Amino acid sequence: QDGLKQCLAEFRQQLAWVERLDVTLGPVADPVSQNASTSDAVDPENDFQREMSFYRQAQAAVLEALPRLRKLQVPTRRPDDYFAEMAKSDQQMQKIRQKLKSKQEAMERSEKAKQLRAMRKYGKKVQVEVLQRRQKEKKNMLNAVKKYQKGLSDKLDFLDEEQTSSQGNKKGNASQRTKKGPNAKRRYKNQKFGFGGKKKGSKWNTKESFNDVSSFQSKVAHNKGPGKGGRGGKGGKKALNKRPGKRARQKMKSRAR
């Protein structure tokens, strides 16, 4: 014991508190019970009570040390431009960032694949419903036709329904076209040059034009008119300058003899 006391006296140093910063206190008073909890009241097997006793003791040390540090003008707050080196290196953090990024991309791909599968299932479901509806309509129409053929029914309502539906579709398309209409540039050109019309095949004969003979003129058809082969027509000079045939030349020679 004397030797221990001698060793303790050798390495004990009488330094100021600012160099030691040691505080020995009990736990702070509980604000609920308004009394300081003792060590005997804490059950060491109870984790919550044990941690709360540590918290109360640290709180009492802070309340005792902060005013003394302020009195000694020792800063207790971290400055805004304080730089602290991280425990992990930049390479390790880069690896962690890449791993997190790859994990996020995998989750996004999985979510997109789920959405595509859901859309395909919905599309197949709609397609099956449409096919079933068409088959049902076709079956109903065939049954109605068979009943009409056998004389069990004298109504053809299904044909009227199809006609009305097709007419409704045509009217809807026509109304859409009329509502849309030409643009300003097209309207200006129509006003300036007219609406034009069909150019390709416009001179082809039709059944009506073939049967219409009201404009037929026999003189013009047999080149007897003034504009076809006569002396005063366009083909007059060609007719005069045309060389006569072989028989005509022989007749002219015989007459000259």
C-alpha atoms as a PDB file:
ATOM      1  CA  GLN A   1       0.000   0.000   0.000  1.00  0.00           C
ATOM      2  CA  ASP A   2       2.833   2.410   0.771  1.00  0.00           C
ATOM      3  CA  GLY A   3       4.392   1.617  -2.604  1.00  0.00           C
ATOM      4  CA  LEU A   4       1.139   2.308  -4.430  1.00  0.00           C
ATOM      5  CA  LYS A   5       0.754   5.632  -2.681  1.00  0.00           C
ATOM      6  CA  GLN A   6       4.333   6.526  -3.619  1.00  0.00           C
ATOM      7  CA  CYS A   7       3.696   5.684  -7.310  1.00  0.00           C
ATOM      8  CA  LEU A   8       0.478   7.674  -7.275  1.00  0.00           C
ATOM      9  CA  ALA A   9       2.320  10.714  -5.895  1.00  0.00           C
ATOM     10  CA  GLU A  10       4.941  10.432  -8.628  1.00  0.00           C
ATOM     11  CA  PHE A  11       2.633  10.531 -11.700  1.00  0.00           C
ATOM     12  CA  ARG A  12      -0.008  12.821 -10.186  1.00  0.00           C
ATOM     13  CA  GLN A  13       0.214  16.316 -11.696  1.00  0.00           C
ATOM     14  CA  GLN A  14      -1.424  19.406 -10.311  1.00  0.00           C
ATOM     15  CA  LEU A  15      -2.768  20.914 -13.562  1.00  0.00           C
ATOM     16  CA  ALA A  16      -5.474  23.463 -14.158  1.00  0.00           C
ATOM     17  CA  TRP A  17      -9.042  22.268 -14.851  1.00  0.00           C
ATOM     18  CA  VAL A  18      -8.948  23.553 -18.407  1.00  0.00           C
ATOM     19  CA  GLU A  19      -6.131  21.092 -19.097  1.00  0.00           C
ATOM     20  CA  ARG A  20      -7.928  18.169 -17.424  1.00  0.00           C
ATOM     21  CA  LEU A  21     -11.644  18.835 -18.246  1.00  0.00           C
ATOM     22  CA  ASP A  22     -12.765  16.240 -15.760  1.00  0.00           C
ATOM     23  CA  VAL A  23     -16.165  16.420 -14.097  1.00  0.00           C
ATOM     24  CA  THR A  24     -17.360  14.013 -11.437  1.00  0.00           C
ATOM     25  CA  LEU A  25     -21.048  14.349 -10.675  1.00  0.00           C
ATOM     26  CA  GLY A  26     -24.071  12.286  -9.976  1.00  0.00           C
ATOM     27  CA  PRO A  27     -27.126  12.128 -12.232  1.00  0.00           C
ATOM     28  CA  VAL A  28     -29.187  15.239 -12.703  1.00  0.00           C
ATOM     29  CA  ALA A  29     -32.504  15.574 -10.884  1.00  0.00           C
ATOM     30  CA  ASP A  30     -35.467  13.917 -12.602  1.00  0.00           C
ATOM     31  CA  PRO A  31     -37.908  16.642 -13.732  1.00  0.00           C
ATOM     32  CA  VAL A  32     -40.849  14.350 -13.058  1.00  0.00           C
ATOM     33  CA  SER A  33     -40.000  13.279  -9.496  1.00  0.00           C
ATOM     34  CA  GLN A  34     -37.955  16.447  -8.747  1.00  0.00           C
ATOM     35  CA  ASN A  35     -35.227  14.441  -6.969  1.00  0.00           C
ATOM     36  CA  ALA A  36     -31.857  13.020  -7.938  1.00  0.00           C
ATOM     37  CA  SER A  37     -31.947   9.320  -8.656  1.00  0.00           C
ATOM     38  CA  THR A  38     -29.345   7.326  -6.752  1.00  0.00           C
ATOM     39  CA  SER A  39     -27.393   4.362  -7.956  1.00  0.00           C
ATOM     40  CA  ASP A  40     -29.326   2.063  -5.619  1.00  0.00           C
ATOM     41  CA  ALA A  41     -32.609   2.984  -7.289  1.00  0.00           C
ATOM     42  CA  VAL A  42     -31.365   1.872 -10.729  1.00  0.00           C
ATOM     43  CA  ASP A  43     -31.894  -1.748 -11.650  1.00  0.00           C
ATOM     44  CA  PRO A  44     -28.800  -2.885 -13.606  1.00  0.00           C
ATOM     45  CA  GLU A  45     -30.815  -5.567 -15.364  1.00  0.00           C
ATOM     46  CA  ASN A  46     -33.258  -2.995 -16.709  1.00  0.00           C
ATOM     47  CA  ASP A  47     -31.783  -1.612 -19.940  1.00  0.00           C
ATOM     48  CA  PHE A  48     -34.022   1.451 -20.045  1.00  0.00           C
ATOM     49  CA  GLN A  49     -33.221   2.543 -16.453  1.00  0.00           C
ATOM     50  CA  ARG A  50     -29.518   1.916 -16.955  1.00  0.00           C
ATOM     51  CA  GLU A  51     -29.341   3.997 -20.159  1.00  0.00           C
ATOM     52  CA  MET A  52     -31.405   6.769 -18.571  1.00  0.00           C
ATOM     53  CA  SER A  53     -28.985   6.934 -15.623  1.00  0.00           C
ATOM     54  CA  PHE A  54     -26.068   7.355 -18.051  1.00  0.00           C
ATOM     55  CA  TYR A  55     -28.007  10.057 -19.882  1.00  0.00           C
ATOM     56  CA  ARG A  56     -28.824  11.921 -16.647  1.00  0.00           C
ATOM     57  CA  GLN A  57     -25.206  11.790 -15.487  1.00  0.00           C
ATOM     58  CA  ALA A  58     -23.928  13.106 -18.841  1.00  0.00           C
ATOM     59  CA  GLN A  59     -26.545  15.847 -18.729  1.00  0.00           C
ATOM     60  CA  ALA A  60     -25.402  16.925 -15.262  1.00  0.00           C
ATOM     61  CA  ALA A  61     -21.769  17.030 -16.469  1.00  0.00           C
ATOM     62  CA  VAL A  62     -22.731  19.217 -19.421  1.00  0.00           C
ATOM     63  CA  LEU A  63     -24.696  21.630 -17.247  1.00  0.00           C
ATOM     64  CA  GLU A  64     -21.675  21.928 -14.936  1.00  0.00           C
ATOM     65  CA  ALA A  65     -18.926  22.164 -17.572  1.00  0.00           C
ATOM     66  CA  LEU A  66     -20.445  24.552 -20.147  1.00  0.00           C
ATOM     67  CA  PRO A  67     -20.652  27.614 -17.852  1.00  0.00           C
ATOM     68  CA  ARG A  68     -17.072  27.025 -16.683  1.00  0.00           C
ATOM     69  CA  LEU A  69     -15.843  26.786 -20.296  1.00  0.00           C
ATOM     70  CA  ARG A  70     -17.666  29.998 -21.245  1.00  0.00           C
ATOM     71  CA  LYS A  71     -16.161  31.703 -18.241  1.00  0.00           C
ATOM     72  CA  LEU A  72     -12.683  30.655 -19.418  1.00  0.00           C
ATOM     73  CA  GLN A  73     -13.571  31.825 -22.994  1.00  0.00           C
ATOM     74  CA  VAL A  74     -13.164  28.365 -24.467  1.00  0.00           C
ATOM     75  CA  PRO A  75     -15.252  27.905 -27.684  1.00  0.00           C
ATOM     76  CA  THR A  76     -17.833  25.159 -27.411  1.00  0.00           C
ATOM     77  CA  ARG A  77     -19.496  25.354 -30.852  1.00  0.00           C
ATOM     78  CA  ARG A  78     -18.120  24.020 -34.124  1.00  0.00           C
ATOM     79  CA  PRO A  79     -17.434  26.787 -36.686  1.00  0.00           C
ATOM     80  CA  ASP A  80     -19.364  26.815 -39.972  1.00  0.00           C
ATOM     81  CA  ASP A  81     -16.231  26.215 -42.084  1.00  0.00           C
ATOM     82  CA  TYR A  82     -15.001  23.354 -39.912  1.00  0.00           C
ATOM     83  CA  PHE A  83     -13.439  20.545 -41.958  1.00  0.00           C
ATOM     84  CA  ALA A  84     -13.313  17.060 -40.497  1.00  0.00           C
ATOM     85  CA  GLU A  85     -11.667  14.205 -42.299  1.00  0.00           C
ATOM     86  CA  MET A  86     -13.938  11.244 -42.924  1.00  0.00           C
ATOM     87  CA  ALA A  87     -13.199   7.898 -41.402  1.00  0.00           C
ATOM     88  CA  LYS A  88     -13.565   6.220 -44.824  1.00  0.00           C
ATOM     89  CA  SER A  89     -11.464   7.082 -47.860  1.00  0.00           C
ATOM     90  CA  ASP A  90     -12.822   8.583 -51.067  1.00  0.00           C
ATOM     91  CA  GLN A  91     -12.258   5.308 -52.936  1.00  0.00           C
ATOM     92  CA  GLN A  92     -14.388   3.410 -50.449  1.00  0.00           C
ATOM     93  CA  MET A  93     -17.135   6.025 -50.651  1.00  0.00           C
ATOM     94  CA  GLN A  94     -16.974   5.873 -54.462  1.00  0.00           C
ATOM     95  CA  LYS A  95     -17.459   2.105 -54.336  1.00  0.00           C
ATOM     96  CA  ILE A  96     -20.427   2.525 -52.006  1.00  0.00           C
ATOM     97  CA  ARG A  97     -21.923   5.184 -54.308  1.00  0.00           C
ATOM     98  CA  GLN A  98     -21.545   2.944 -57.361  1.00  0.00           C
ATOM     99  CA  LYS A  99     -23.111   0.035 -55.510  1.00  0.00           C
ATOM    100  CA  LEU A 100     -26.080   2.158 -54.450  1.00  0.00           C
ATOM    101  CA  LYS A 101     -26.451   3.483 -57.988  1.00  0.00           C
ATOM    102  CA  SER A 102     -26.414  -0.010 -59.512  1.00  0.00           C
ATOM    103  CA  LYS A 103     -28.962  -1.158 -56.939  1.00  0.00           C
ATOM    104  CA  GLN A 104     -31.237   1.769 -57.776  1.00  0.00           C
ATOM    105  CA  GLU A 105     -30.932   1.077 -61.527  1.00  0.00           C
ATOM    106  CA  ALA A 106     -31.798  -2.594 -60.940  1.00  0.00           C
ATOM    107  CA  MET A 107     -34.885  -1.557 -58.977  1.00  0.00           C
ATOM    108  CA  GLU A 108     -35.930   0.821 -61.783  1.00  0.00           C
ATOM    109  CA  ARG A 109     -35.490  -1.921 -64.400  1.00  0.00           C
ATOM    110  CA  SER A 110     -37.521  -4.316 -62.280  1.00  0.00           C
ATOM    111  CA  GLU A 111     -40.291  -1.724 -61.903  1.00  0.00           C
ATOM    112  CA  LYS A 112     -40.358  -1.072 -65.647  1.00  0.00           C
ATOM    113  CA  ALA A 113     -40.533  -4.803 -66.349  1.00  0.00           C
ATOM    114  CA  LYS A 114     -43.472  -5.107 -63.941  1.00  0.00           C
ATOM    115  CA  GLN A 115     -45.272  -2.242 -65.687  1.00  0.00           C
ATOM    116  CA  LEU A 116     -44.683  -3.810 -69.117  1.00  0.00           C
ATOM    117  CA  ARG A 117     -46.012  -7.159 -67.926  1.00  0.00           C
ATOM    118  CA  ALA A 118     -49.072  -5.478 -66.471  1.00  0.00           C
ATOM    119  CA  MET A 119     -49.682  -3.583 -69.731  1.00  0.00           C
ATOM    120  CA  ARG A 120     -49.328  -6.776 -71.775  1.00  0.00           C
ATOM    121  CA  LYS A 121     -51.768  -8.583 -69.529  1.00  0.00           C
ATOM    122  CA  TYR A 122     -54.236  -5.714 -69.844  1.00  0.00           C
ATOM    123  CA  GLY A 123     -53.809  -5.609 -73.644  1.00  0.00           C
ATOM    124  CA  LYS A 124     -54.378  -9.362 -73.920  1.00  0.00           C
ATOM    125  CA  LYS A 125     -57.426  -9.079 -71.702  1.00  0.00           C
ATOM    126  CA  VAL A 126     -58.923  -6.327 -73.865  1.00  0.00           C
ATOM    127  CA  GLN A 127     -58.141  -8.285 -77.036  1.00  0.00           C
ATOM    128  CA  VAL A 128     -59.831 -11.404 -75.659  1.00  0.00           C
ATOM    129  CA  GLU A 129     -62.884  -9.378 -74.653  1.00  0.00           C
ATOM    130  CA  VAL A 130     -63.146  -7.861 -78.147  1.00  0.00           C
ATOM    131  CA  LEU A 131     -62.847 -11.272 -79.815  1.00  0.00           C
ATOM    132  CA  GLN A 132     -65.454 -12.752 -77.494  1.00  0.00           C
ATOM    133  CA  ARG A 133     -67.842  -9.886 -78.215  1.00  0.00           C
ATOM    134  CA  ARG A 134     -67.374 -10.300 -81.972  1.00  0.00           C
ATOM    135  CA  GLN A 135     -67.941 -14.042 -81.755  1.00  0.00           C
ATOM    136  CA  LYS A 136     -71.060 -13.470 -79.708  1.00  0.00           C
ATOM    137  CA  GLU A 137     -72.425 -10.938 -82.212  1.00  0.00           C
ATOM    138  CA  LYS A 138     -71.627 -13.282 -85.116  1.00  0.00           C
ATOM    139  CA  LYS A 139     -73.330 -16.183 -83.360  1.00  0.00           C
ATOM    140  CA  ASN A 140     -76.444 -14.107 -82.655  1.00  0.00           C
ATOM    141  CA  MET A 141     -76.602 -12.953 -86.279  1.00  0.00           C
ATOM    142  CA  LEU A 142     -76.257 -16.530 -87.612  1.00  0.00           C
ATOM    143  CA  ASN A 143     -79.013 -17.699 -85.271  1.00  0.00           C
ATOM    144  CA  ALA A 144     -81.265 -14.902 -86.486  1.00  0.00           C
ATOM    145  CA  VAL A 145     -80.536 -15.776 -90.132  1.00  0.00           C
ATOM    146  CA  LYS A 146     -81.340 -19.455 -89.488  1.00  0.00           C
ATOM    147  CA  LYS A 147     -84.614 -18.548 -87.804  1.00  0.00           C
ATOM    148  CA  TYR A 148     -85.527 -16.313 -90.751  1.00  0.00           C
ATOM    149  CA  GLN A 149     -84.683 -19.069 -93.254  1.00  0.00           C
ATOM    150  CA  LYS A 150     -86.774 -21.624 -91.383  1.00  0.00           C
ATOM    151  CA  GLY A 151     -89.707 -19.224 -91.178  1.00  0.00           C
ATOM    152  CA  LEU A 152     -89.605 -18.934 -87.424  1.00  0.00           C
ATOM    153  CA  SER A 153     -89.072 -15.211 -87.631  1.00  0.00           C
ATOM    154  CA  ASP A 154     -90.017 -12.564 -90.205  1.00  0.00           C
ATOM    155  CA  LYS A 155     -87.853  -9.746 -88.847  1.00  0.00           C
ATOM    156  CA  LEU A 156     -84.456  -8.658 -90.083  1.00  0.00           C
ATOM    157  CA  ASP A 157     -83.612  -6.250 -87.328  1.00  0.00           C
ATOM    158  CA  PHE A 158     -79.968  -7.251 -87.238  1.00  0.00           C
ATOM    159  CA  LEU A 159     -79.486  -5.953 -90.806  1.00  0.00           C
ATOM    160  CA  ASP A 160     -81.070  -2.628 -89.884  1.00  0.00           C
ATOM    161  CA  GLU A 161     -78.806  -2.339 -86.874  1.00  0.00           C
ATOM    162  CA  GLU A 162     -75.697  -2.945 -89.009  1.00  0.00           C
ATOM    163  CA  GLN A 163     -76.802  -0.375 -91.584  1.00  0.00           C
ATOM    164  CA  THR A 164     -77.557   2.235 -88.960  1.00  0.00           C
ATOM    165  CA  SER A 165     -74.216   1.629 -87.249  1.00  0.00           C
ATOM    166  CA  SER A 166     -72.311   1.928 -90.558  1.00  0.00           C
ATOM    167  CA  GLN A 167     -74.250   5.077 -91.487  1.00  0.00           C
ATOM    168  CA  GLY A 168     -73.523   6.537 -88.087  1.00  0.00           C
ATOM    169  CA  ASN A 169     -69.832   5.886 -88.556  1.00  0.00           C
ATOM    170  CA  LYS A 170     -69.877   7.497 -92.013  1.00  0.00           C
ATOM    171  CA  LYS A 171     -71.732  10.545 -90.702  1.00  0.00           C
ATOM    172  CA  GLY A 172     -69.293  10.853 -87.845  1.00  0.00           C
ATOM    173  CA  ASN A 173     -66.332  10.718 -90.221  1.00  0.00           C
ATOM    174  CA  ALA A 174     -67.966  13.240 -92.574  1.00  0.00           C
ATOM    175  CA  SER A 175     -68.701  15.625 -89.709  1.00  0.00           C
ATOM    176  CA  GLN A 176     -65.091  15.354 -88.576  1.00  0.00           C
ATOM    177  CA  ARG A 177     -63.885  16.131 -92.069  1.00  0.00           C
ATOM    178  CA  THR A 178     -66.202  19.115 -92.451  1.00  0.00           C
ATOM    179  CA  LYS A 179     -65.256  20.465 -89.064  1.00  0.00           C
ATOM    180  CA  LYS A 180     -61.582  20.243 -89.900  1.00  0.00           C
ATOM    181  CA  GLY A 181     -61.774  22.015 -93.292  1.00  0.00           C
ATOM    182  CA  PRO A 182     -58.926  23.437 -95.416  1.00  0.00           C
ATOM    183  CA  ASN A 183     -56.388  25.855 -94.018  1.00  0.00           C
ATOM    184  CA  ALA A 184     -56.025  29.528 -94.992  1.00  0.00           C
ATOM    185  CA  LYS A 185     -53.409  28.833 -97.684  1.00  0.00           C
ATOM    186  CA  ARG A 186     -55.608  26.228 -99.356  1.00  0.00           C
ATOM    187  CA  ARG A 187     -58.648  28.550 -99.254  1.00  0.00           C
ATOM    188  CA  TYR A 188     -56.662  31.372-100.895  1.00  0.00           C
ATOM    189  CA  LYS A 189     -55.469  29.101-103.707  1.00  0.00           C
ATOM    190  CA  ASN A 190     -58.992  27.771-104.239  1.00  0.00           C
ATOM    191  CA  GLN A 191     -60.302  31.330-104.516  1.00  0.00           C
ATOM    192  CA  LYS A 192     -57.529  32.334-106.960  1.00  0.00           C
ATOM    193  CA  PHE A 193     -57.191  29.264-109.177  1.00  0.00           C
ATOM    194  CA  GLY A 194     -60.420  27.389-108.554  1.00  0.00           C
ATOM    195  CA  PHE A 195     -60.911  23.959-107.093  1.00  0.00           C
ATOM    196  CA  GLY A 196     -59.238  22.089-109.940  1.00  0.00           C
ATOM    197  CA  GLY A 197     -60.571  18.594-110.148  1.00  0.00           C
ATOM    198  CA  LYS A 198     -59.603  15.189-111.370  1.00  0.00           C
ATOM    199  CA  LYS A 199     -56.822  15.351-113.969  1.00  0.00           C
ATOM    200  CA  LYS A 200     -55.739  11.781-114.451  1.00  0.00           C
ATOM    201  CA  GLY A 201     -58.182   9.847-116.610  1.00  0.00           C
ATOM    202  CA  SER A 202     -60.456  12.857-117.135  1.00  0.00           C
ATOM    203  CA  LYS A 203     -60.680  12.193-120.941  1.00  0.00           C
ATOM    204  CA  TRP A 204     -61.530   8.543-120.666  1.00  0.00           C
ATOM    205  CA  ASN A 205     -64.826   7.379-122.094  1.00  0.00           C
ATOM    206  CA  THR A 206     -67.582   6.371-119.782  1.00  0.00           C
ATOM    207  CA  LYS A 207     -70.826   4.539-120.361  1.00  0.00           C
ATOM    208  CA  GLU A 208     -72.795   7.798-120.531  1.00  0.00           C
ATOM    209  CA  SER A 209     -70.332   9.501-122.905  1.00  0.00           C
ATOM    210  CA  PHE A 210     -70.270   6.407-125.147  1.00  0.00           C
ATOM    211  CA  ASN A 211     -74.071   6.340-125.460  1.00  0.00           C
ATOM    212  CA  ASP A 212     -74.310  10.121-125.980  1.00  0.00           C
ATOM    213  CA  VAL A 213     -74.292  10.864-129.773  1.00  0.00           C
ATOM    214  CA  SER A 214     -75.888  14.313-129.656  1.00  0.00           C
ATOM    215  CA  SER A 215     -72.647  16.060-130.709  1.00  0.00           C
ATOM    216  CA  PHE A 216     -71.911  13.682-133.631  1.00  0.00           C
ATOM    217  CA  GLN A 217     -71.410  15.410-137.039  1.00  0.00           C
ATOM    218  CA  SER A 218     -71.093  13.284-140.139  1.00  0.00           C
ATOM    219  CA  LYS A 219     -69.261  15.930-142.220  1.00  0.00           C
ATOM    220  CA  VAL A 220     -66.587  16.364-139.614  1.00  0.00           C
ATOM    221  CA  ALA A 221     -66.318  12.600-139.132  1.00  0.00           C
ATOM    222  CA  HIS A 222     -65.739  12.012-142.922  1.00  0.00           C
ATOM    223  CA  ASN A 223     -63.276  14.890-143.366  1.00  0.00           C
ATOM    224  CA  LYS A 224     -65.737  16.970-145.399  1.00  0.00           C
ATOM    225  CA  GLY A 225     -65.868  19.941-143.143  1.00  0.00           C
ATOM    226  CA  PRO A 226     -63.916  23.179-143.548  1.00  0.00           C
ATOM    227  CA  GLY A 227     -61.479  22.187-140.865  1.00  0.00           C
ATOM    228  CA  LYS A 228     -60.684  18.649-142.100  1.00  0.00           C
ATOM    229  CA  GLY A 229     -58.800  18.156-145.351  1.00  0.00           C
ATOM    230  CA  GLY A 230     -60.580  20.872-147.403  1.00  0.00           C
ATOM    231  CA  ARG A 231     -58.794  23.533-149.342  1.00  0.00           C
ATOM    232  CA  GLY A 232     -59.672  26.224-146.844  1.00  0.00           C
ATOM    233  CA  GLY A 233     -58.998  24.042-143.832  1.00  0.00           C
ATOM    234  CA  LYS A 234     -55.900  23.172-141.952  1.00  0.00           C
ATOM    235  CA  GLY A 235     -55.300  19.995-143.905  1.00  0.00           C
ATOM    236  CA  GLY A 236     -55.699  21.634-147.364  1.00  0.00           C
ATOM    237  CA  LYS A 237     -52.066  22.308-148.055  1.00  0.00           C
ATOM    238  CA  LYS A 238     -51.093  18.874-146.877  1.00  0.00           C
ATOM    239  CA  ALA A 239     -53.655  17.348-149.204  1.00  0.00           C
ATOM    240  CA  LEU A 240     -52.367  19.391-152.217  1.00  0.00           C
ATOM    241  CA  ASN A 241     -48.719  18.759-151.508  1.00  0.00           C
ATOM    242  CA  LYS A 242     -49.259  15.061-150.973  1.00  0.00           C
ATOM    243  CA  ARG A 243     -47.738  12.890-153.691  1.00  0.00           C
ATOM    244  CA  PRO A 244     -50.349  10.839-155.634  1.00  0.00           C
ATOM    245  CA  GLY A 245     -50.266   7.084-155.469  1.00  0.00           C
ATOM    246  CA  LYS A 246     -48.958   4.646-158.087  1.00  0.00           C
ATOM    247  CA  ARG A 247     -52.330   4.020-159.772  1.00  0.00           C
ATOM    248  CA  ALA A 248     -53.080   7.722-159.904  1.00  0.00           C
ATOM    249  CA  ARG A 249     -49.749   8.358-161.641  1.00  0.00           C
ATOM    250  CA  GLN A 250     -50.438   5.627-164.219  1.00  0.00           C
ATOM    251  CA  LYS A 251     -53.868   7.133-165.021  1.00  0.00           C
ATOM    252  CA  MET A 252     -52.331  10.544-165.431  1.00  0.00           C
ATOM    253  CA  LYS A 253     -49.727   9.148-167.845  1.00  0.00           C
ATOM    254  CA  SER A 254     -52.365   7.312-169.926  1.00  0.00           C
ATOM    255  CA  ARG A 255     -54.451  10.479-170.201  1.00  0.00           C
ATOM    256  CA  ALA A 256     -51.419  12.482-171.281  1.00  0.00           C
ATOM    257  CA  ARG A 257     -50.735  10.004-174.122  1.00  0.00           C
END
